[in-house]
Structure formats: structure tokens, C-alpha cells
Protein backbone atom coordinates (compact mmCIF):
# COMPACT_ATOMS: atom_id res chain seq x y z
CA MET A 1 0.00 0.00 0.00
CA LYS A 2 1.24 3.45 -0.79
CA LYS A 3 0.28 6.78 0.68
CA THR A 4 -0.93 8.73 -2.35
CA ILE A 5 -2.15 12.03 -0.95
CA ALA A 6 -0.36 14.84 -2.80
CA VAL A 7 1.44 17.56 -0.84
CA LEU A 8 4.06 20.30 -1.34
CA PHE A 9 6.50 22.23 0.88
CA LEU A 10 7.21 25.73 -0.44
CA ALA A 11 9.49 28.37 1.04
CA LEU A 12 7.07 31.28 1.22
CA ALA A 13 8.43 34.79 1.52
CA GLY A 14 6.91 37.08 4.14
CA GLY A 15 4.70 36.31 7.11
CA ILE A 16 0.99 35.77 7.59
CA SER A 17 -1.21 38.84 7.37
CA PHE A 18 -4.82 39.19 8.42
CA ALA A 19 -7.71 39.58 6.04
CA GLN A 20 -11.39 40.38 6.27
CA GLY A 21 -14.04 37.65 6.35
CA HIS A 22 -14.17 35.55 3.21
CA LEU A 23 -16.42 32.81 1.83
CA PHE A 24 -14.36 29.93 0.45
CA GLN A 25 -15.93 27.78 -2.26
CA PHE A 26 -14.67 25.57 -5.05
CA LYS A 27 -15.65 26.96 -8.45
CA TYR A 28 -16.34 24.57 -11.32
CA LYS A 29 -16.81 25.25 -15.02
CA GLU A 30 -17.35 22.75 -17.79
CA GLY A 31 -14.14 22.23 -19.75
CA ASP A 32 -11.79 23.16 -16.90
CA ALA A 33 -8.67 20.99 -16.97
CA TYR A 34 -5.89 20.72 -14.42
CA ARG A 35 -3.15 18.37 -13.27
CA VAL A 36 -2.08 17.46 -9.73
CA LEU A 37 1.48 16.20 -9.42
CA SER A 38 2.73 14.97 -6.05
CA THR A 39 5.95 13.38 -4.84
CA VAL A 40 6.03 11.35 -1.65
CA GLN A 41 9.20 10.61 0.32
CA GLU A 42 8.16 7.57 2.36
CA ASP A 43 9.91 5.19 4.77
CA VAL A 44 8.37 1.71 5.04
CA PHE A 45 8.69 -0.49 8.15
CA PHE A 46 7.67 -4.13 8.65
CA ASN A 47 7.16 -5.27 12.23
CA ASN A 48 8.96 -2.10 13.39
CA VAL A 49 12.07 -2.90 11.33
CA TYR A 50 13.06 -0.51 8.54
CA HIS A 51 12.34 -2.14 5.17
CA HIS A 52 13.01 0.47 2.47
CA HIS A 53 12.65 4.07 1.35
CA ALA A 54 10.36 4.92 -1.54
CA GLU A 55 10.01 7.99 -3.73
CA ILE A 56 6.48 7.84 -5.12
CA LEU A 57 5.18 10.05 -7.91
CA ASN A 58 1.42 10.48 -8.26
CA ARG A 59 0.06 12.18 -11.37
CA VAL A 60 -3.61 13.10 -11.67
CA SER A 61 -5.12 14.70 -14.76
CA VAL A 62 -8.66 16.02 -14.33
CA ARG A 63 -11.27 17.45 -16.64
CA VAL A 64 -14.58 18.94 -15.44
CA THR A 65 -17.07 17.43 -17.89
CA GLY A 66 -20.10 19.33 -16.62
CA LEU A 67 -22.23 20.31 -13.63
CA ASP A 68 -25.05 18.28 -12.07
CA ASP A 69 -28.47 19.69 -11.18
CA LYS A 70 -27.07 20.97 -7.87
CA GLY A 71 -24.18 22.80 -9.49
CA ASN A 72 -21.57 20.27 -8.33
CA GLY A 73 -18.62 19.68 -10.61
CA ILE A 74 -18.51 16.34 -12.45
CA HIS A 75 -14.85 15.29 -12.64
CA ASP A 76 -13.35 12.79 -15.07
CA ALA A 77 -9.88 11.90 -13.76
CA ILE A 78 -6.93 9.67 -14.64
CA PHE A 79 -4.60 8.67 -11.77
CA MET A 80 -1.12 7.24 -12.29
CA THR A 81 1.38 6.13 -9.65
CA SER A 82 5.06 5.36 -10.22
CA GLU A 83 7.62 4.36 -7.59
CA ASN A 84 11.39 4.48 -7.28
CA SER A 85 12.15 2.13 -4.40
CA THR A 86 15.47 3.76 -3.54
CA GLY A 87 14.54 7.40 -4.01
CA ALA A 88 18.09 8.16 -5.09
CA SER A 89 17.80 8.01 -8.87
CA GLY A 90 17.96 11.11 -11.02
CA LYS A 91 16.27 9.30 -13.90
CA ALA A 92 12.77 9.91 -15.20
CA PHE A 93 9.96 7.87 -13.65
CA SER A 94 8.50 5.02 -15.65
CA TYR A 95 4.85 5.56 -16.55
CA GLY A 96 2.68 3.29 -14.38
CA GLU A 97 -0.80 1.93 -14.85
CA ASP A 98 -3.65 4.40 -15.42
CA TYR A 99 -6.63 4.33 -13.06
CA LYS A 100 -9.83 6.08 -14.10
CA SER A 101 -12.07 7.80 -11.58
CA VAL A 102 -15.32 9.71 -11.96
CA PHE A 103 -16.77 11.75 -9.11
CA THR A 104 -18.68 14.88 -8.26
CA ARG A 105 -17.52 17.49 -5.77
CA ASP A 106 -19.63 20.27 -4.30
CA ALA A 107 -18.68 23.88 -3.60
CA ALA A 108 -17.67 23.05 0.00
CA GLY A 109 -15.40 20.21 -1.16
CA ARG A 110 -17.48 17.08 -0.43
CA TYR A 111 -17.04 14.09 -2.75
CA ASP A 112 -19.70 11.81 -4.16
CA ILE A 113 -17.90 8.77 -5.62
CA SER A 114 -18.76 5.13 -6.32
CA ASP A 115 -16.94 2.24 -4.61
CA GLN A 116 -15.78 1.06 -8.02
CA TYR A 117 -13.15 3.84 -7.92
CA PHE A 118 -10.10 3.70 -5.63
CA MET A 119 -8.76 7.20 -6.27
CA PRO A 120 -8.42 9.75 -4.75
CA VAL A 121 -7.19 8.33 -1.45
CA VAL A 122 -7.94 11.34 0.79
CA ARG A 123 -11.51 12.56 0.36
CA ASP A 124 -13.48 15.47 1.77
CA VAL A 125 -10.37 17.53 2.56
CA PRO A 126 -10.73 20.43 2.72
CA ILE A 127 -14.35 21.02 3.67
CA PHE A 128 -15.11 24.74 3.98
CA PRO A 129 -17.82 26.31 6.18
CA ASP A 130 -20.90 27.72 4.40
CA LYS A 131 -20.26 31.20 5.80
CA GLU A 132 -17.62 33.93 5.71
CA ILE A 133 -14.70 33.30 8.03
CA GLU A 134 -11.81 35.39 9.35
CA PRO A 135 -8.22 34.44 10.26
CA GLY A 136 -8.12 32.47 13.49
CA PHE A 137 -11.47 30.76 12.78
CA ARG A 138 -11.47 27.05 13.59
CA TRP A 139 -13.87 24.30 12.59
CA THR A 140 -14.20 20.51 12.33
CA ALA A 141 -15.48 18.42 9.42
CA GLN A 142 -15.69 14.73 8.64
CA GLY A 143 -13.57 13.07 5.95
CA HIS A 144 -12.13 9.67 5.10
CA GLU A 145 -9.22 7.92 3.47
CA ALA A 146 -9.95 5.21 0.89
CA HIS A 147 -6.99 2.86 0.37
CA ASP A 148 -6.44 0.43 -2.49
CA LEU A 149 -5.55 -2.89 -0.82
CA ARG A 150 -6.38 -5.19 -3.73
CA ARG A 151 -2.81 -6.35 -4.25
CA THR A 152 -1.75 -6.35 -0.61
CA PHE A 153 -4.78 -8.03 0.97
CA ASP A 154 -7.09 -8.88 -1.97
CA ILE A 155 -9.75 -6.45 -0.68
CA LYS A 156 -12.01 -5.74 -3.66
CA THR A 157 -13.40 -2.34 -2.64
CA PRO A 158 -11.75 0.77 -1.16
CA TYR A 159 -10.65 0.26 2.46
CA LYS A 160 -12.23 3.33 4.08
CA ILE A 161 -10.92 4.94 7.26
CA PRO A 162 -13.11 7.75 8.66
CA PHE A 163 -11.74 10.73 10.57
CA ASN A 164 -12.64 14.16 11.93
CA ALA A 165 -10.37 16.86 10.54
CA GLU A 166 -9.63 20.01 12.53
CA TYR A 167 -9.13 23.21 10.50
CA GLU A 168 -7.79 26.69 11.20
CA PHE A 169 -7.76 29.65 8.82
CA LEU A 170 -4.32 31.23 9.29
CA GLY A 171 -4.66 34.30 7.04
CA THR A 172 -2.75 35.27 3.91
CA VAL A 173 0.84 34.63 2.86
CA GLN A 174 2.86 36.27 0.11
CA ASP A 175 4.96 34.30 -2.40
CA GLY A 176 6.65 36.91 -4.57
CA GLU A 177 3.82 38.80 -6.25
CA LYS A 178 1.28 36.06 -5.52
CA THR A 179 -0.97 36.04 -2.45
CA PHE A 180 -2.48 32.84 -1.03
CA TYR A 181 -4.88 32.06 1.81
CA LYS A 182 -3.34 29.52 4.18
CA PHE A 183 -5.13 26.80 6.15
CA GLU A 184 -3.86 24.24 8.64
CA VAL A 185 -5.52 20.79 8.66
CA GLN A 186 -4.90 17.97 11.15
CA TYR A 187 -6.56 14.62 11.72
CA GLU A 188 -5.86 11.33 13.50
CA LEU A 189 -6.69 7.84 12.25
CA GLU A 190 -8.09 5.27 14.68
CA TYR A 191 -10.04 2.45 13.06
CA SER A 192 -10.72 -1.22 13.89
CA VAL A 193 -12.45 -4.02 12.00
CA ASP A 194 -15.12 -6.19 13.61
CA LEU A 195 -13.26 -9.51 13.91
CA LYS A 196 -16.58 -11.38 14.11
CA LYS A 197 -17.00 -10.59 10.41
CA TYR A 198 -13.53 -11.83 9.55
CA ASP A 199 -13.15 -15.15 7.71
CA PRO A 200 -9.54 -16.38 8.27
CA SER A 201 -9.82 -18.74 5.30
CA LYS A 202 -9.76 -15.71 3.00
CA GLY A 203 -6.27 -14.71 4.11
CA GLU A 204 -4.62 -11.87 5.99
CA VAL A 205 -6.48 -8.58 6.40
CA PRO A 206 -5.87 -5.30 8.28
CA VAL A 207 -7.75 -5.34 11.57
CA ALA A 208 -6.65 -2.03 13.09
CA THR A 209 -5.31 1.21 11.61
CA GLN A 210 -3.90 4.27 13.31
CA GLY A 211 -1.90 7.32 12.29
CA TYR A 212 -2.10 11.04 11.62
CA SER A 213 -1.91 13.71 8.93
CA HIS A 214 -0.74 17.32 9.32
CA GLN A 215 -1.31 19.52 6.28
CA TYR A 216 -1.05 23.11 5.09
CA ILE A 217 -3.30 24.14 2.21
CA PHE A 218 -2.68 27.24 0.08
CA TRP A 219 -5.74 28.66 -1.65
CA ASP A 220 -5.55 30.64 -4.90
CA ILE A 221 -7.52 33.83 -4.37
CA ASP A 222 -7.98 34.58 -8.07
CA LYS A 223 -8.99 31.11 -9.29
CA GLY A 224 -11.04 29.97 -6.31
CA CYS A 225 -9.19 26.67 -5.93
CA ILE A 226 -6.22 25.01 -4.21
CA ASP A 227 -2.82 26.02 -5.60
CA HIS A 228 -0.64 23.66 -3.54
CA TYR A 229 -0.60 21.86 -0.24
CA ASN A 230 1.79 19.95 2.02
CA GLU A 231 1.59 17.12 4.49
CA GLU A 232 3.49 15.13 7.08
CA PHE A 233 1.93 11.71 7.67
CA LYS A 234 2.15 8.33 9.38
CA ILE A 235 -0.13 5.34 8.95
CA GLU A 236 0.24 2.01 10.76
CA MET A 237 -1.74 -1.17 10.09
CA LEU A 238 -2.02 -4.24 12.32
CA THR A 239 -3.01 -7.34 10.35
CA SER A 240 -4.92 -10.45 11.35
CA SER A 241 -1.58 -12.31 11.45
CA ASN A 242 -0.19 -9.75 13.94
CA ASN A 243 2.11 -8.15 11.38
CA ILE A 244 2.62 -4.38 11.58
CA LEU A 245 3.01 -2.27 8.45
CA ARG A 246 4.06 1.35 8.92
CA PHE A 247 4.40 4.13 6.35
CA GLU A 248 5.65 7.58 7.30
CA GLY A 249 7.10 10.58 5.53
CA ILE A 250 6.43 13.84 3.75
CA ALA A 251 5.30 14.75 0.27
CA HIS A 252 4.78 17.74 -1.99
CA ALA A 253 2.35 18.64 -4.77
CA GLU A 254 1.43 21.22 -7.36
CA VAL A 255 -1.90 21.92 -9.00
CA THR A 256 -1.40 23.24 -12.52
CA ASP A 257 -3.51 24.26 -15.47
CA PHE A 258 -2.04 22.99 -18.71
CA THR A 259 -2.33 23.73 -22.42
CA ARG A 260 -4.26 21.21 -24.51
CA THR A 261 -2.18 20.31 -27.55
CA ALA A 262 -4.12 17.51 -29.27
CA ASP A 263 -5.93 19.70 -31.79
CA GLU A 264 -5.50 20.44 -35.50
CA THR A 265 -4.22 23.99 -34.96
CA THR A 266 -1.42 22.92 -32.62
CA VAL A 267 -0.46 19.96 -34.83
CA ALA A 268 -0.16 22.30 -37.83
CA ALA A 269 1.92 24.79 -35.83
CA VAL A 270 4.30 22.07 -34.61
CA ILE A 271 4.70 20.63 -38.12
CA GLU A 272 5.58 24.10 -39.40
CA LYS A 273 8.14 24.53 -36.62
CA ILE A 274 9.72 21.15 -37.48
CA THR A 275 10.05 22.25 -41.10
CA ASP A 276 11.57 25.60 -40.11
CA LEU A 277 14.11 23.86 -37.86
CA GLY A 278 15.02 21.36 -40.59
CA ILE A 279 14.29 18.28 -38.46
CA ASP A 280 14.17 15.09 -40.55
CA ASP A 281 12.27 11.85 -39.88
CA VAL A 282 9.86 13.32 -37.32
CA SER A 283 6.07 13.02 -37.67
CA VAL A 284 3.36 14.66 -35.56
CA THR A 285 0.00 13.22 -34.51
CA ALA A 286 -2.75 14.08 -32.03
CA GLY A 287 -3.91 11.23 -29.80
CA GLU A 288 -5.73 10.40 -26.60
CA LYS A 289 -2.88 11.46 -24.28
CA GLY A 290 -1.79 14.53 -26.22
CA LEU A 291 0.40 15.59 -29.14
CA THR A 292 3.09 13.08 -30.12
CA LEU A 293 6.35 13.69 -31.99
CA SER A 294 7.56 10.39 -33.43
CA ILE A 295 11.33 10.28 -34.10
CA GLU A 296 11.71 7.56 -36.73
CA ASN A 297 14.88 5.52 -37.22
CA ILE A 298 16.42 7.10 -34.14
CA GLN A 299 20.12 6.31 -34.10
CA PHE A 300 21.85 4.66 -31.15
CA MET A 301 25.16 2.89 -30.97
CA PRO A 302 24.62 -0.73 -32.16
CA ASP A 303 22.30 -2.68 -29.83
CA SER A 304 22.68 -0.06 -27.09
CA ASP A 305 20.90 2.89 -25.53
CA ILE A 306 23.72 5.38 -26.26
CA LEU A 307 22.48 8.19 -28.52
CA MET A 308 24.48 9.05 -31.62
CA PRO A 309 25.70 12.70 -31.82
CA SER A 310 23.32 13.36 -34.73
CA GLU A 311 20.35 12.36 -32.56
CA ARG A 312 21.44 14.56 -29.67
CA ALA A 313 21.51 17.50 -32.10
CA LYS A 314 18.02 16.54 -33.29
CA LEU A 315 16.75 16.45 -29.69
CA ASP A 316 18.22 19.91 -29.08
CA LYS A 317 15.99 21.21 -31.88
CA ILE A 318 12.95 19.28 -30.66
CA ALA A 319 13.53 20.81 -27.20
CA GLN A 320 12.68 24.21 -28.70
CA ILE A 321 9.20 22.85 -29.49
CA LEU A 322 8.76 21.19 -26.08
CA ASN A 323 9.74 24.39 -24.31
CA ALA A 324 6.70 26.11 -25.82
CA TYR A 325 4.50 23.98 -23.52
CA PRO A 326 6.31 24.25 -20.15
CA ASP A 327 3.30 23.24 -18.02
CA ASN A 328 2.67 19.95 -19.86
CA ASP A 329 4.36 16.74 -18.76
CA LEU A 330 6.25 14.59 -21.27
CA LEU A 331 5.88 10.87 -21.96
CA VAL A 332 8.81 9.27 -23.81
CA THR A 333 7.94 5.89 -25.37
CA GLY A 334 10.48 3.53 -26.93
CA HIS A 335 9.75 1.09 -29.79
CA THR A 336 11.88 -1.49 -31.59
CA ALA A 337 11.72 -3.50 -34.79
CA LEU A 338 11.17 -7.27 -34.63
CA ARG A 339 14.73 -8.32 -33.84
CA GLY A 340 15.87 -10.61 -31.05
CA THR A 341 13.60 -12.04 -28.35
CA LYS A 342 10.48 -10.40 -26.98
CA GLU A 343 12.23 -9.88 -23.65
CA SER A 344 15.29 -8.26 -25.26
CA ARG A 345 13.09 -5.98 -27.39
CA GLN A 346 11.16 -4.86 -24.30
CA LYS A 347 14.34 -4.17 -22.34
CA LEU A 348 15.93 -2.25 -25.23
CA SER A 349 12.81 -0.14 -25.81
CA GLU A 350 12.71 0.82 -22.12
CA GLU A 351 16.41 1.68 -22.07
CA ARG A 352 16.16 3.83 -25.19
CA ALA A 353 13.14 5.71 -23.88
CA GLN A 354 15.06 6.33 -20.65
CA ALA A 355 18.10 7.54 -22.62
CA VAL A 356 16.04 10.16 -24.47
CA ALA A 357 14.26 11.20 -21.24
CA ASN A 358 17.56 11.54 -19.39
CA TYR A 359 18.96 13.71 -22.18
CA LEU A 360 15.95 16.04 -21.90
CA ILE A 361 16.34 16.16 -18.10
CA ARG A 362 20.08 16.87 -18.24
CA ASN A 363 19.41 19.73 -20.66
CA LYS A 364 16.71 21.14 -18.35
CA VAL A 365 13.83 20.73 -20.79
CA ARG A 366 11.95 19.29 -17.79
CA ASP A 367 12.95 17.98 -14.37
CA LYS A 368 12.64 14.27 -13.57
CA TYR A 369 9.21 14.73 -11.97
CA HIS A 370 7.70 15.92 -15.26
CA VAL A 371 9.11 13.30 -17.66
CA PHE A 372 7.83 9.72 -17.80
CA THR A 373 9.08 6.75 -19.79
CA LYS A 374 7.52 3.64 -21.27
CA GLY A 375 8.84 0.76 -23.38
CA MET A 376 6.63 -1.04 -25.89
CA GLY A 377 9.17 -3.46 -27.40
CA GLY A 378 8.12 -4.36 -30.94
CA ASP A 379 4.42 -4.69 -30.09
CA VAL A 380 3.22 -1.48 -31.80
CA PRO A 381 4.72 -1.42 -35.32
CA VAL A 382 3.79 1.38 -37.70
CA ALA A 383 5.27 -0.27 -40.79
CA ASP A 384 6.08 -3.70 -42.27
CA ASN A 385 8.97 -5.38 -40.44
CA LYS A 386 9.80 -7.40 -43.59
CA THR A 387 11.55 -4.43 -45.22
CA GLU A 388 14.48 -2.34 -44.01
CA LEU A 389 12.45 0.83 -44.59
CA GLY A 390 9.64 -0.56 -42.44
CA ARG A 391 12.03 -1.67 -39.70
CA ALA A 392 13.60 1.81 -39.68
CA LYS A 393 10.18 3.37 -39.07
CA ASN A 394 9.47 0.91 -36.26
CA ARG A 395 12.78 1.73 -34.53
CA ARG A 396 11.43 4.95 -33.08
CA VAL A 397 11.06 7.00 -29.92
CA GLU A 398 7.90 9.02 -29.37
CA ILE A 399 7.70 12.14 -27.21
CA THR A 400 4.15 13.00 -26.16
CA ILE A 401 3.28 16.46 -24.85
CA MET A 402 0.67 15.20 -22.42
CA ASP A 403 -2.84 16.59 -22.19
CA LYS A 404 -3.87 14.02 -19.58
């Protein structure tokens, strides 16, 4: 199990100032799109013995598809989690499995979500009062965490842990020219399962959970939404076999609007830029995840992931295009022709995608938290592998400017 609440520590300039009473509400509009990106630095313990450190990256892309009859926002979201078990690597994160979630959220922040969806983990935080409040105002509201324990304990629905969160409105803080409202949120977890309902033949299950969360939320005055938030957390589970699992750490997050690129106008503009820059063997398409630049016949040293100098020069030119969309994440996907075994093709495609991603990171096109990699082996050919021309087209790396 991984703690997937997103949080962010920022060094804010200036102190807290006091403001007049204000009504805080989430504002929803059909077509709104945003991304939440969080990194979690987590230590994992098993039976009170340190097991490993994990750096977990959670990426959420959300689109408001409409409003219900009560004016609540209907959210269509894609969640992705990727983990580096050492936390020490400077490489891009591999792109994990996508999880879809659909939910509504009201102006105060309350969720309405079916048990078929496991994300988001932390729900009903924050919940704002339905009246104007001033700095120093405190209140309490119910919330819950919903953990995905399908792989760990074969629990088929979200494992829900209720809590009462305590809030305080701290006032405003200044970050350069930007002003945010700041809130403190704290809650404790204390939850037990009725052992009379437990069937030991079905395997190990969590029977008691405890822990805490301490958060700071920064509210965007202009947009009427959260800009970023931070958290320190600990969660401990006692299982039916008397094993203790403990997760503790900190995490950081950003909530960002991004430019949608998968449209005819943007495709035409990027194709024109490729022509102006004199970049050969690169095609552009719009797809479900965004706008993709496909670098055909990309040249590496023989049977390796070491880029040839000509390809590094090509990537330098492509970087000029990527830099026009600084708020969009990048997905680098490697493909091979049908040569060697399936396992060797998969490994080589992953290594080559990572090589291109690392080059972009080293040249500060994006940092490692905004570039993802994926290897497809030879499973997605775009041409006939029976000819050298076809194999050259299939030996490609794709860079997607992600819309979601």
C-alpha cells in the first residue's frame, strides 16, 4: 500500500497577514482541466524494522465534464502512480498503470464517488464552512481515506478509514507577487475491523489502523481553488496475522492548469516549426494522451541505448518545441523493430526511452518529476517489419506532450 495524498513544501516569503471575512468555495466550469502532481518521500517499516525508502510520484489529470443539477462539478480523472524504491535516482519515472475515476464534488469540497473507484485516497479535505470566516477561525469536518488494498490483501473495494479533521484559517501569505490564503488541517486515524465478520480462510487482512496527517493548504484567491498543499503523515496497520506495516514521511504537490495540444491547430503549428528547424524523420500526430512527436529511425550505438551525436543534435531542436509547452508533462515511449527475443526488445525499448528522457532532463527541458518513460518493445509497429524501410520506421522513440 502506498500513501498517495499529494502535498508540497514551499518556502514562502513574508509572514501571515490578516484579512477580512471571506467565503471559500470551489468553483467549477465545464471544460476546466488541471493536473495534480505529487511526490512522496516515504519510509516503510515491517514489524517495526526498517524495510526500504520509496520515492512515489502520483500524477492526476482532471477534466470537469459538466455540472449536475445541484451545481456540483462532475470530474473525469486519470490517476497514475510510479515508484522508485530507492529514491536516489535522477532518472525519469516510468509511466505506471492508469486508473480512471469519476466523481462529483460540491462547492464546499465534499465528494460523491462510487466504490468502483479507488482514487483519490484522501476525500473530503478540505471542507469549507458555508459562511464567511476570518483568520483564526477554527472548525471541524468529517472526511475519510480510501486505500487500495487489492494487491496487498485482496480487498475488492476501497478500504475506508473515517476521521474528523480540525481546521484553522491562518490568514494570507505572500509568495513573490502572488498572495495565497493559508489553512492548517490535522486529523488522527483510529479504526478497527469487527473480527466477528472476519473469515480467516480468506487470508490476511488489516484489523486495526492508526496514524495522523498534518497539512497546510494554500488557496488561490484569483482562481477559487487550491494552488498547492503539504503534508506530514504516518499510517500504521495491524493485520490479522499480527504483522505491523508502517508508512511515514512527507510529500509535496502542485496543482497546474495545462495547455491542450491535441488539436489540429497545434499539430499544424508544430509541423511548421519542425520544417523551419530542418528536423528530418519526425512526424506529428494528435492522440488520446496529447500531441506526439515520433522520431523515426532514431540512431543509437549498435544494440545499445547510447544516442548518436546526430540524434542529440536533433533532440536539441525538438527541445525548442517542447519548451513552448512548459506546463505539460512529457511521456517518452520507446519502440523497436522485430529483432531478437520479446524480452530483449522490451528491455531495449525501455532503455532507449530512458536515454532520451535523461537527455531532456540533463538539458533542463523538464525535471525528472515531469518526464515519464515507457517501453513497448516491438508490439506497436507502424510499418512492415519485412523491409528495411519498415524496420527503420518501427525503430522509433515518441515524445508525447501530455494533455492528460
